[in-house]
């Protein structure tokens, strides 16, 4: 089981992220497209990314920007997200050559709840009201993604965040009909919301191929803590990740917490 690190806001360049990854003896960096350094036109300079990774002996995964939403009702916006995925897959095909032979290249993404309308007695999610169009948009996205990936060893993984809505669970079932889609289990997010996504994740445990590992607690809710600073049964979660043959991002938000987490892994015979 291989451990990696996320993009850190304190680092200002690819080179700084890669240098830290190498120093900590981690295996990969998850390039987060929320950061300007890793927007799509910069990722497309794949020679730069390959050279940095080859020098350090690491590889990459990619995290799509968190507002990625192919179901947006503005067709211009939805098309921009589809084009972003097409170009990201093109980048992934070039960077996937860095991966260990038995490790697929991961493109991780969130599902966006969408906007809500505040009624006198409740908040109504527009995607719930317009579910037929919402599901159709994701079916189109699934089919296009399959076409773009082709026979390459690339997986698009859906990450749990603050609780899947009922219409999102339908989308997950739709996407998992394709072998090109899988799941990411973020154990800190899961803990912070009282493990309400656990039934879905366990039902589909054999489709979990990627983990975001950080400590957390649910009272008060907190996540992205260094390993050992929260209430999660980390040993059990890591054993489950190993069962899934998954790679794990140590998804803390500072280099200090990342170092602490690596030390925790060493002390518990995981690294």
Foldseek 3Di string as FASTA:
>chain_A
DFEAAEDAPVDDEPLVRLVLCLVLVGAEYAAECVDPRRPLVNLVVVVVVVVSCVVSLHAYAYEYYAVLELLPPPPVSNVVSLVSLLSVLVSLLVRQVSDPPVAFHEYEYEYDQADWDDDPVGTHRVCVVVVVSRLVSLLVSLVVNCVSNPPGRYAYAYEDAQDDDPSRLVSVVSNVVDPRYAYEYEPLRCQQNPNPCVVVCVVRVLRHAEYEDWAFHNVVGDTLAAPPPHDDPRVVVVVSNVVSVHYYYPYHHDSVSVSSNSVVCVVVVND
